Amino acid sequence: MTTASEIPGDRGLPLVGHSFELLLHMDRFVHGRYARYGEVSKGYAFGLDMISLLGPDANQFVFQNRGDLFENSAWEKLIARFFHRGLMLLDFDEHRVHRRIMQGAFTRDALIGYLQVLTPGIAAGLSAWQPRDGFLIFDHLKKLTLDLASEVFIGRKPGAEADALNAAFLATVRAATGIIRFPLPFTRWRAGLEGRRVLEDFFRRELPAKRASTGDDLFTRLCHARTEDGEQFSDDDVVNHMIFVLMAAHDTSTITLSNMVYQLAKHPHWQQRLRDDSRALGTATPDFEQLASLTAMGMVMKEALRLCAPVPGLPRRAARDVDYKGFRIPAGSFVNISPWFTHTSEHFWREPRRFDPERFGSERAEDKEHPFKWVPFGGGAHKCIGLHFGEMEVKAILHQMLLRYRWTVPDGYELQQDFTSLPIPRDRLPVRLEAL
């Protein structure tokens, strides 16, 4: 058995370590680490010493977390000041209690109710789009998903307040990867703290009315959610979970949709295939079962999530000394796994950089070759609680887009990702949007 000091790696540049490499060239960096050091390596970034565990086996080991070896509270080092005590930051028994309470807000009946709100909101949002060259699809999708989150999760129509919330959410997300981690003027850290204050003030102001209401929005559901044993959320719990869920829901949906739109622009035969499927439903407002029947769209979504995992790295902290593949990881170590690396590595996928949704079809099922090879939603006890909502929302939006519009990008255009927060198109993905 080797010791922690024998884990290969390097600390990078003085003071900043590998921070800039991760922010500017994350894809190249993680693949370079694997090529140089293998599945286990150590490094330094964002003020933290960290141990990287790469590949499907590492994903399985960390996500299954047998014996409660790893703590999700590692996220506290990055985002706790902005997403304090969100579900993802809780551990073990406390996490299980909170997840059990929150589960009631994501049942099948709840999802069907959310869809009834989503459908007219999508129609209203898309009808306002003005087809043209250079249509910045990312910006429009981000506004649409936040407007939808405002209605579905908060129970109010979008407006000027939604724009302020959007700016606050963006500031909090970007703060997590700030190089300067103190509230100095003009820094991401300070903007993130101000964004958190805006969000917290809003939800605390609205909370009494939600406690007294009988609405079907997520905010109200969390106010009234109880387990069979009568456990429920405190006011602080509701505020913390709402801030976290809204961030997680609208950012990941926007990233997924943007990458689907990009791939469908690059591969027009797939765009037309999906459009034909949507037309075959015979309705612009499909129900829950009809959306679920769009299997080709589901494969495209899975392939887009493989090629661009919305959360490319997932941190944990070792709760005790951990042995993994001949290495000893000391208690307290900051550990990171990389869905991005696993999804784009030639060691685990055939032609990993090629857009090929059929790899998720029943005949090939490449994702089934290892249970933790495709992990855009994480896995184990902390697997994304809103994954079924996200799939439903993405399909509902794309379905209506396909019926209304056609979109293209110039020959030779290649999307470049900005990794300074979550991966988003650097140029906001300009497309030629045409009405049908």
Protein backbone atom coordinates (compact mmCIF):
# COMPACT_ATOMS: atom_id res chain seq x y z
CA MET A 1 0.00 0.00 0.00
CA THR A 2 1.41 3.40 -0.97
CA THR A 3 1.04 6.47 1.19
CA ALA A 4 -0.69 9.77 0.41
CA SER A 5 2.68 11.39 -0.23
CA GLU A 6 3.24 8.93 -3.06
CA ILE A 7 0.09 9.93 -4.94
CA PRO A 8 1.52 11.41 -8.16
CA GLY A 9 0.85 14.99 -9.17
CA ASP A 10 1.99 18.59 -8.89
CA ARG A 11 0.73 21.86 -7.39
CA GLY A 12 1.02 23.96 -10.52
CA LEU A 13 1.86 27.66 -10.38
CA PRO A 14 2.70 29.42 -7.10
CA LEU A 15 -0.37 30.64 -5.20
CA VAL A 16 -2.95 29.89 -7.91
CA GLY A 17 -1.94 26.30 -8.69
CA HIS A 18 -4.01 24.95 -11.59
CA SER A 19 -6.90 27.39 -11.14
CA PHE A 20 -6.45 29.17 -14.47
CA GLU A 21 -5.99 25.91 -16.37
CA LEU A 22 -9.28 24.62 -14.97
CA LEU A 23 -11.08 27.89 -15.76
CA LEU A 24 -9.72 28.36 -19.27
CA HIS A 25 -8.91 24.87 -20.55
CA MET A 26 -10.71 22.41 -18.30
CA ASP A 27 -11.22 19.75 -20.99
CA ARG A 28 -7.56 19.72 -21.96
CA PHE A 29 -6.47 19.84 -18.32
CA VAL A 30 -8.39 16.80 -17.04
CA HIS A 31 -7.38 14.64 -19.99
CA GLY A 32 -3.79 15.78 -19.59
CA ARG A 33 -3.80 14.79 -15.91
CA TYR A 34 -5.02 11.30 -16.76
CA ALA A 35 -2.41 10.90 -19.50
CA ARG A 36 0.37 12.04 -17.18
CA TYR A 37 -0.61 10.57 -13.82
CA GLY A 38 -3.38 8.03 -14.33
CA GLU A 39 -6.61 7.56 -12.39
CA VAL A 40 -5.36 9.10 -9.12
CA SER A 41 -3.39 12.33 -8.82
CA LYS A 42 -2.98 15.32 -6.55
CA GLY A 43 -2.99 19.02 -7.38
CA TYR A 44 -3.89 22.49 -6.11
CA ALA A 45 -6.57 24.93 -7.32
CA PHE A 46 -8.91 27.60 -5.92
CA GLY A 47 -7.03 27.62 -2.64
CA LEU A 48 -7.43 23.87 -2.08
CA ASP A 49 -5.20 20.82 -2.18
CA MET A 50 -7.20 18.16 -3.98
CA ILE A 51 -6.97 14.56 -5.07
CA SER A 52 -8.50 13.70 -8.45
CA LEU A 53 -10.12 10.30 -8.97
CA LEU A 54 -10.88 9.73 -12.65
CA GLY A 55 -13.00 7.23 -14.56
CA PRO A 56 -16.14 5.10 -14.09
CA ASP A 57 -14.64 3.03 -11.27
CA ALA A 58 -13.87 6.20 -9.32
CA ASN A 59 -17.40 7.49 -9.97
CA GLN A 60 -18.85 4.25 -8.62
CA PHE A 61 -16.59 4.19 -5.58
CA VAL A 62 -17.41 7.76 -4.60
CA PHE A 63 -21.11 7.85 -5.52
CA GLN A 64 -21.99 4.54 -3.86
CA ASN A 65 -20.09 5.74 -0.80
CA ARG A 66 -20.36 2.47 1.08
CA GLY A 67 -19.55 3.03 4.72
CA ASP A 68 -20.14 6.80 4.41
CA LEU A 69 -16.51 7.37 3.43
CA PHE A 70 -17.10 10.70 1.68
CA GLU A 71 -18.87 13.89 2.72
CA ASN A 72 -20.76 16.05 0.24
CA SER A 73 -20.08 19.00 2.52
CA ALA A 74 -16.88 19.42 0.48
CA TRP A 75 -19.06 21.75 -1.59
CA GLU A 76 -18.90 24.14 1.38
CA LYS A 77 -15.37 25.10 0.33
CA LEU A 78 -16.72 26.32 -3.00
CA ILE A 79 -20.35 27.39 -2.68
CA ALA A 80 -21.57 27.26 0.94
CA ARG A 81 -21.44 31.06 1.31
CA PHE A 82 -23.87 31.30 -1.60
CA PHE A 83 -25.92 28.08 -1.40
CA HIS A 84 -25.87 27.51 2.34
CA ARG A 85 -27.32 24.14 3.40
CA GLY A 86 -28.78 23.29 0.03
CA LEU A 87 -29.67 19.63 -0.34
CA MET A 88 -26.41 18.85 -2.13
CA LEU A 89 -24.38 20.17 0.82
CA LEU A 90 -25.96 17.94 3.46
CA ASP A 91 -24.66 14.54 4.50
CA PHE A 92 -25.70 11.16 5.85
CA ASP A 93 -28.76 11.04 8.16
CA GLU A 94 -29.50 14.75 7.84
CA HIS A 95 -29.38 14.53 4.05
CA ARG A 96 -31.64 11.49 4.05
CA VAL A 97 -34.26 13.30 6.17
CA HIS A 98 -34.23 16.43 4.00
CA ARG A 99 -34.33 14.41 0.79
CA ARG A 100 -37.27 12.37 2.08
CA ILE A 101 -39.22 15.53 2.84
CA MET A 102 -38.35 17.13 -0.50
CA GLN A 103 -39.22 14.00 -2.49
CA GLY A 104 -42.88 14.88 -2.22
CA ALA A 105 -42.31 17.91 -4.43
CA PHE A 106 -41.03 15.71 -7.28
CA THR A 107 -43.58 12.89 -7.43
CA ARG A 108 -45.21 11.96 -10.71
CA ASP A 109 -48.38 13.85 -9.78
CA ALA A 110 -46.32 16.92 -8.90
CA LEU A 111 -44.48 16.72 -12.23
CA ILE A 112 -47.76 16.53 -14.13
CA GLY A 113 -48.91 19.63 -12.28
CA TYR A 114 -45.69 21.47 -13.13
CA LEU A 115 -46.09 20.53 -16.80
CA GLN A 116 -49.48 22.20 -16.89
CA VAL A 117 -47.75 25.43 -15.88
CA LEU A 118 -44.73 24.91 -18.13
CA THR A 119 -46.64 24.40 -21.37
CA PRO A 120 -48.34 27.82 -21.70
CA GLY A 121 -45.23 29.53 -20.30
CA ILE A 122 -43.09 27.93 -23.01
CA ALA A 123 -45.55 29.00 -25.71
CA ALA A 124 -45.56 32.58 -24.45
CA GLY A 125 -41.78 32.73 -24.22
CA LEU A 126 -41.12 31.24 -27.67
CA SER A 127 -43.73 33.41 -29.37
CA ALA A 128 -41.74 36.49 -28.34
CA TRP A 129 -38.60 35.31 -30.16
CA GLN A 130 -37.67 37.31 -33.29
CA PRO A 131 -36.12 35.00 -35.93
CA ARG A 132 -32.91 36.40 -37.42
CA ASP A 133 -29.26 35.73 -38.08
CA GLY A 134 -27.06 35.90 -35.01
CA PHE A 135 -29.88 34.93 -32.63
CA LEU A 136 -28.15 34.33 -29.27
CA ILE A 137 -29.89 31.12 -28.33
CA PHE A 138 -28.19 30.68 -24.95
CA ASP A 139 -29.34 34.06 -23.66
CA HIS A 140 -32.92 33.46 -24.83
CA LEU A 141 -33.04 29.96 -23.35
CA LYS A 142 -31.63 31.20 -20.05
CA LYS A 143 -34.31 33.87 -19.81
CA LEU A 144 -36.99 31.34 -20.73
CA THR A 145 -35.91 28.75 -18.15
CA LEU A 146 -35.68 31.34 -15.40
CA ASP A 147 -39.13 32.71 -16.31
CA LEU A 148 -40.48 29.16 -16.18
CA ALA A 149 -38.77 28.55 -12.83
CA SER A 150 -40.40 31.73 -11.53
CA GLU A 151 -43.84 30.36 -12.38
CA VAL A 152 -43.35 26.68 -11.55
CA PHE A 153 -41.20 27.02 -8.45
CA ILE A 154 -42.21 30.38 -7.01
CA GLY A 155 -45.75 30.68 -8.34
CA ARG A 156 -45.52 34.11 -9.94
CA LYS A 157 -45.36 35.47 -13.47
CA PRO A 158 -41.97 36.65 -14.73
CA GLY A 159 -41.16 40.35 -14.78
CA ALA A 160 -38.59 42.88 -13.64
CA GLU A 161 -38.16 40.99 -10.36
CA ALA A 162 -37.29 37.83 -12.28
CA ASP A 163 -34.53 39.74 -14.09
CA ALA A 164 -33.08 40.82 -10.74
CA LEU A 165 -33.23 37.24 -9.47
CA ASN A 166 -31.51 36.04 -12.65
CA ALA A 167 -28.64 38.46 -12.09
CA ALA A 168 -28.37 37.33 -8.46
CA PHE A 169 -28.29 33.66 -9.44
CA LEU A 170 -25.58 34.29 -12.03
CA ALA A 171 -23.46 36.13 -9.46
CA THR A 172 -23.75 33.33 -6.91
CA VAL A 173 -22.83 30.60 -9.42
CA ARG A 174 -19.83 32.50 -10.81
CA ALA A 175 -18.52 33.22 -7.30
CA ALA A 176 -17.75 29.53 -6.71
CA THR A 177 -14.81 29.65 -9.14
CA GLY A 178 -13.48 33.04 -8.09
CA ILE A 179 -9.71 33.19 -7.74
CA ILE A 180 -9.93 35.88 -5.03
CA ARG A 181 -12.03 34.35 -2.24
CA PHE A 182 -12.58 37.47 -0.16
CA PRO A 183 -15.28 40.18 -0.56
CA LEU A 184 -13.02 42.76 -2.16
CA PRO A 185 -14.71 45.36 -4.42
CA PHE A 186 -15.41 44.21 -8.00
CA THR A 187 -14.63 40.55 -7.21
CA ARG A 188 -16.85 37.56 -7.99
CA TRP A 189 -16.84 36.68 -4.31
CA ARG A 190 -18.37 39.99 -3.29
CA ALA A 191 -20.90 39.88 -6.13
CA GLY A 192 -21.85 36.36 -5.04
CA LEU A 193 -22.45 37.45 -1.46
CA GLU A 194 -24.61 40.33 -2.64
CA GLY A 195 -26.52 37.95 -4.90
CA ARG A 196 -27.14 35.60 -1.99
CA ARG A 197 -28.51 38.50 0.06
CA VAL A 198 -30.93 39.46 -2.74
CA LEU A 199 -32.22 35.89 -3.00
CA GLU A 200 -32.51 35.35 0.72
CA ASP A 201 -34.37 38.63 1.25
CA PHE A 202 -36.83 37.72 -1.50
CA PHE A 203 -37.67 34.24 -0.19
CA ARG A 204 -37.91 35.35 3.44
CA ARG A 205 -40.27 38.14 2.42
CA GLU A 206 -42.49 35.73 0.48
CA LEU A 207 -42.38 32.85 2.97
CA PRO A 208 -45.30 33.80 5.29
CA ALA A 209 -47.72 34.02 2.39
CA LYS A 210 -46.56 30.66 1.06
CA ARG A 211 -47.02 29.04 4.49
CA ALA A 212 -50.63 30.25 4.41
CA SER A 213 -51.36 29.37 0.76
CA THR A 214 -52.54 26.19 -0.96
CA GLY A 215 -50.75 26.61 -4.29
CA ASP A 216 -49.02 23.90 -6.32
CA ASP A 217 -45.72 25.68 -6.89
CA LEU A 218 -42.55 24.20 -5.40
CA PHE A 219 -42.18 27.01 -2.85
CA THR A 220 -45.61 26.24 -1.39
CA ARG A 221 -45.02 22.49 -1.55
CA LEU A 222 -41.80 22.81 0.46
CA CYS A 223 -43.59 24.95 3.04
CA HIS A 224 -46.15 22.20 3.60
CA ALA A 225 -44.08 19.08 2.91
CA ARG A 226 -44.03 16.44 5.65
CA THR A 227 -42.84 12.90 6.01
CA GLU A 228 -45.06 10.13 7.35
CA ASP A 229 -43.51 10.86 10.75
CA GLY A 230 -44.57 14.50 10.56
CA GLU A 231 -41.11 15.95 9.92
CA GLN A 232 -41.13 19.25 8.02
CA PHE A 233 -38.80 22.05 6.98
CA SER A 234 -38.06 25.10 9.11
CA ASP A 235 -38.24 28.56 7.53
CA ASP A 236 -34.45 28.54 7.12
CA ASP A 237 -34.63 25.13 5.45
CA VAL A 238 -37.22 26.33 2.93
CA VAL A 239 -35.20 29.43 2.04
CA ASN A 240 -31.97 27.47 1.64
CA HIS A 241 -33.55 24.74 -0.48
CA MET A 242 -35.38 27.21 -2.73
CA ILE A 243 -32.20 29.15 -3.49
CA PHE A 244 -30.33 25.96 -4.29
CA VAL A 245 -33.07 24.27 -6.33
CA LEU A 246 -33.71 27.30 -8.51
CA MET A 247 -30.03 27.62 -9.31
CA ALA A 248 -29.68 23.92 -10.05
CA ALA A 249 -32.87 23.70 -12.11
CA HIS A 250 -32.58 26.60 -14.49
CA ASP A 251 -28.81 26.54 -15.06
CA THR A 252 -28.57 22.84 -15.88
CA SER A 253 -31.65 22.93 -18.13
CA THR A 254 -30.26 25.92 -20.04
CA ILE A 255 -26.89 24.23 -20.57
CA THR A 256 -28.53 20.99 -21.71
CA LEU A 257 -30.88 22.74 -24.13
CA SER A 258 -28.10 24.92 -25.55
CA ASN A 259 -25.97 21.90 -26.34
CA MET A 260 -28.91 20.04 -27.86
CA VAL A 261 -29.68 23.06 -30.05
CA TYR A 262 -26.04 23.24 -31.11
CA GLN A 263 -25.82 19.57 -32.04
CA LEU A 264 -29.14 19.69 -33.89
CA ALA A 265 -27.87 22.69 -35.87
CA LYS A 266 -24.67 20.78 -36.76
CA HIS A 267 -26.65 17.65 -37.64
CA PRO A 268 -29.80 18.80 -39.47
CA HIS A 269 -30.94 15.25 -40.22
CA TRP A 270 -31.30 14.70 -36.47
CA GLN A 271 -33.14 18.01 -36.12
CA GLN A 272 -35.60 16.91 -38.81
CA ARG A 273 -35.96 13.45 -37.26
CA LEU A 274 -36.94 15.00 -33.95
CA ARG A 275 -39.26 17.48 -35.67
CA ASP A 276 -41.03 14.61 -37.46
CA ASP A 277 -41.48 12.82 -34.13
CA SER A 278 -42.91 15.95 -32.54
CA ARG A 279 -45.28 16.55 -35.43
CA ALA A 280 -46.43 12.95 -35.17
CA LEU A 281 -47.74 13.64 -31.67
CA GLY A 282 -50.31 15.93 -33.28
CA THR A 283 -50.20 18.54 -30.51
CA ALA A 284 -48.09 21.48 -29.44
CA THR A 285 -49.04 20.74 -25.82
CA PRO A 286 -48.17 17.08 -25.18
CA ASP A 287 -48.99 15.48 -21.87
CA PHE A 288 -46.56 13.71 -19.58
CA GLU A 289 -46.82 10.34 -21.34
CA GLN A 290 -46.50 11.85 -24.81
CA LEU A 291 -43.30 13.64 -23.86
CA ALA A 292 -41.93 10.41 -22.43
CA SER A 293 -42.62 8.70 -25.79
CA LEU A 294 -40.14 10.95 -27.64
CA THR A 295 -37.36 8.38 -27.49
CA ALA A 296 -35.12 9.89 -30.18
CA MET A 297 -35.25 13.22 -28.37
CA GLY A 298 -34.26 11.37 -25.21
CA MET A 299 -31.23 9.90 -26.96
CA VAL A 300 -30.18 13.32 -28.25
CA MET A 301 -30.52 14.72 -24.75
CA LYS A 302 -28.37 11.94 -23.30
CA GLU A 303 -25.71 12.49 -25.94
CA ALA A 304 -25.70 16.26 -25.34
CA LEU A 305 -25.32 15.62 -21.60
CA ARG A 306 -22.46 13.24 -22.32
CA LEU A 307 -20.61 15.71 -24.52
CA CYS A 308 -21.17 18.58 -22.08
CA ALA A 309 -21.85 17.56 -18.49
CA PRO A 310 -23.50 20.65 -16.90
CA VAL A 311 -21.57 20.04 -13.67
CA PRO A 312 -18.17 18.87 -14.96
CA GLY A 313 -16.55 18.21 -11.57
CA LEU A 314 -17.97 16.96 -8.27
CA PRO A 315 -16.07 17.43 -4.99
CA ARG A 316 -16.17 15.31 -1.84
CA ARG A 317 -14.24 15.27 1.44
CA ALA A 318 -12.85 12.06 2.89
CA ALA A 319 -14.63 11.46 6.21
CA ARG A 320 -11.90 9.02 7.27
CA ASP A 321 -8.80 7.40 5.77
CA VAL A 322 -9.81 5.82 2.45
CA ASP A 323 -8.04 3.16 0.41
CA TYR A 324 -8.57 3.29 -3.36
CA LYS A 325 -6.64 1.27 -5.94
CA GLY A 326 -3.49 1.04 -3.88
CA PHE A 327 -3.52 4.62 -2.63
CA ARG A 328 -4.29 5.90 0.85
CA ILE A 329 -6.43 9.04 0.85
CA PRO A 330 -6.13 10.67 4.31
CA ALA A 331 -9.17 11.77 6.29
CA GLY A 332 -10.07 15.37 5.51
CA SER A 333 -8.71 15.26 1.95
CA PHE A 334 -10.59 17.22 -0.70
CA VAL A 335 -11.44 14.71 -3.46
CA ASN A 336 -12.76 15.52 -6.92
CA ILE A 337 -14.30 13.28 -9.57
CA SER A 338 -14.89 14.38 -13.15
CA PRO A 339 -18.02 13.39 -15.11
CA TRP A 340 -16.59 15.49 -17.94
CA PHE A 341 -13.48 13.33 -18.19
CA THR A 342 -15.42 10.07 -18.00
CA HIS A 343 -17.91 11.19 -20.66
CA THR A 344 -15.28 12.31 -23.18
CA SER A 345 -12.53 9.74 -22.74
CA GLU A 346 -11.56 7.35 -25.53
CA HIS A 347 -10.84 4.78 -22.81
CA PHE A 348 -14.56 4.40 -22.10
CA TRP A 349 -16.45 5.47 -25.24
CA ARG A 350 -16.12 4.67 -28.94
CA GLU A 351 -15.31 7.90 -30.83
CA PRO A 352 -16.11 9.99 -27.76
CA ARG A 353 -15.99 13.38 -29.51
CA ARG A 354 -18.49 12.35 -32.18
CA PHE A 355 -22.18 13.25 -31.78
CA ASP A 356 -23.87 9.87 -31.99
CA PRO A 357 -27.19 9.58 -30.12
CA GLU A 358 -27.64 6.00 -31.33
CA ARG A 359 -25.00 4.95 -28.79
CA PHE A 360 -27.83 5.27 -26.23
CA GLY A 361 -30.28 3.15 -28.26
CA SER A 362 -31.29 -0.28 -27.04
CA GLU A 363 -29.14 -2.09 -29.62
CA ARG A 364 -25.85 -0.48 -28.57
CA ALA A 365 -26.50 0.89 -25.07
CA GLU A 366 -22.90 2.02 -24.59
CA ASP A 367 -23.88 3.75 -21.36
CA LYS A 368 -24.83 0.37 -19.84
CA GLU A 369 -21.33 -1.07 -20.20
CA HIS A 370 -20.49 0.34 -16.78
CA PRO A 371 -23.14 1.54 -14.30
CA PHE A 372 -21.23 4.77 -13.60
CA LYS A 373 -19.99 5.59 -17.08
CA TRP A 374 -22.75 8.14 -17.84
CA VAL A 375 -23.26 10.31 -14.75
CA PRO A 376 -24.52 13.80 -15.63
CA PHE A 377 -26.91 13.65 -12.65
CA GLY A 378 -24.40 12.18 -10.22
CA GLY A 379 -25.28 8.94 -8.50
CA GLY A 380 -26.00 7.20 -5.24
CA ALA A 381 -27.76 8.95 -2.37
CA HIS A 382 -27.01 12.40 -3.82
CA LYS A 383 -28.24 11.71 -7.34
CA CYS A 384 -30.03 14.80 -8.64
CA ILE A 385 -33.51 14.88 -7.10
CA GLY A 386 -34.86 16.97 -9.98
CA LEU A 387 -33.61 14.88 -12.90
CA HIS A 388 -37.12 13.83 -14.02
CA PHE A 389 -38.33 17.43 -13.85
CA GLY A 390 -35.31 18.52 -15.90
CA GLU A 391 -35.92 15.89 -18.58
CA MET A 392 -39.58 16.86 -18.79
CA GLU A 393 -38.82 20.58 -19.03
CA VAL A 394 -36.12 20.14 -21.69
CA LYS A 395 -38.35 17.94 -23.83
CA ALA A 396 -41.34 20.29 -23.46
CA ILE A 397 -39.27 23.30 -24.58
CA LEU A 398 -37.51 21.54 -27.46
CA HIS A 399 -40.81 20.03 -28.68
CA GLN A 400 -42.36 23.46 -29.11
CA MET A 401 -39.15 24.88 -30.63
CA LEU A 402 -39.13 22.16 -33.28
CA LEU A 403 -42.73 22.92 -34.26
CA ARG A 404 -42.12 26.67 -34.51
CA TYR A 405 -38.55 27.11 -35.76
CA ARG A 406 -35.62 25.75 -37.73
CA TRP A 407 -32.08 26.77 -36.77
CA THR A 408 -28.64 26.45 -38.36
CA VAL A 409 -25.02 27.47 -37.73
CA PRO A 410 -22.42 28.30 -40.41
CA ASP A 411 -20.37 25.47 -41.90
CA GLY A 412 -17.29 24.91 -39.79
CA TYR A 413 -18.69 26.58 -36.68
CA GLU A 414 -17.51 24.89 -33.49
CA LEU A 415 -18.94 25.73 -30.08
CA GLN A 416 -16.37 26.82 -27.49
CA GLN A 417 -17.27 26.40 -23.83
CA ASP A 418 -16.61 28.95 -21.09
CA PHE A 419 -15.73 27.10 -17.87
CA THR A 420 -15.52 30.12 -15.57
CA SER A 421 -18.69 28.96 -13.82
CA LEU A 422 -20.68 26.08 -15.27
CA PRO A 423 -19.87 25.33 -18.93
CA ILE A 424 -21.72 27.78 -21.18
CA PRO A 425 -21.13 28.88 -24.80
CA ARG A 426 -18.47 31.58 -24.88
CA ASP A 427 -20.26 33.42 -27.69
CA ARG A 428 -23.78 32.64 -26.34
CA LEU A 429 -24.31 30.37 -29.39
CA PRO A 430 -25.46 32.58 -32.29
CA VAL A 431 -27.72 30.70 -34.71
CA ARG A 432 -29.76 31.53 -37.78
CA LEU A 433 -33.32 31.14 -36.51
CA GLU A 434 -36.12 30.75 -39.06
CA ALA A 435 -39.86 30.51 -38.46
CA LEU A 436 -41.60 27.50 -40.01
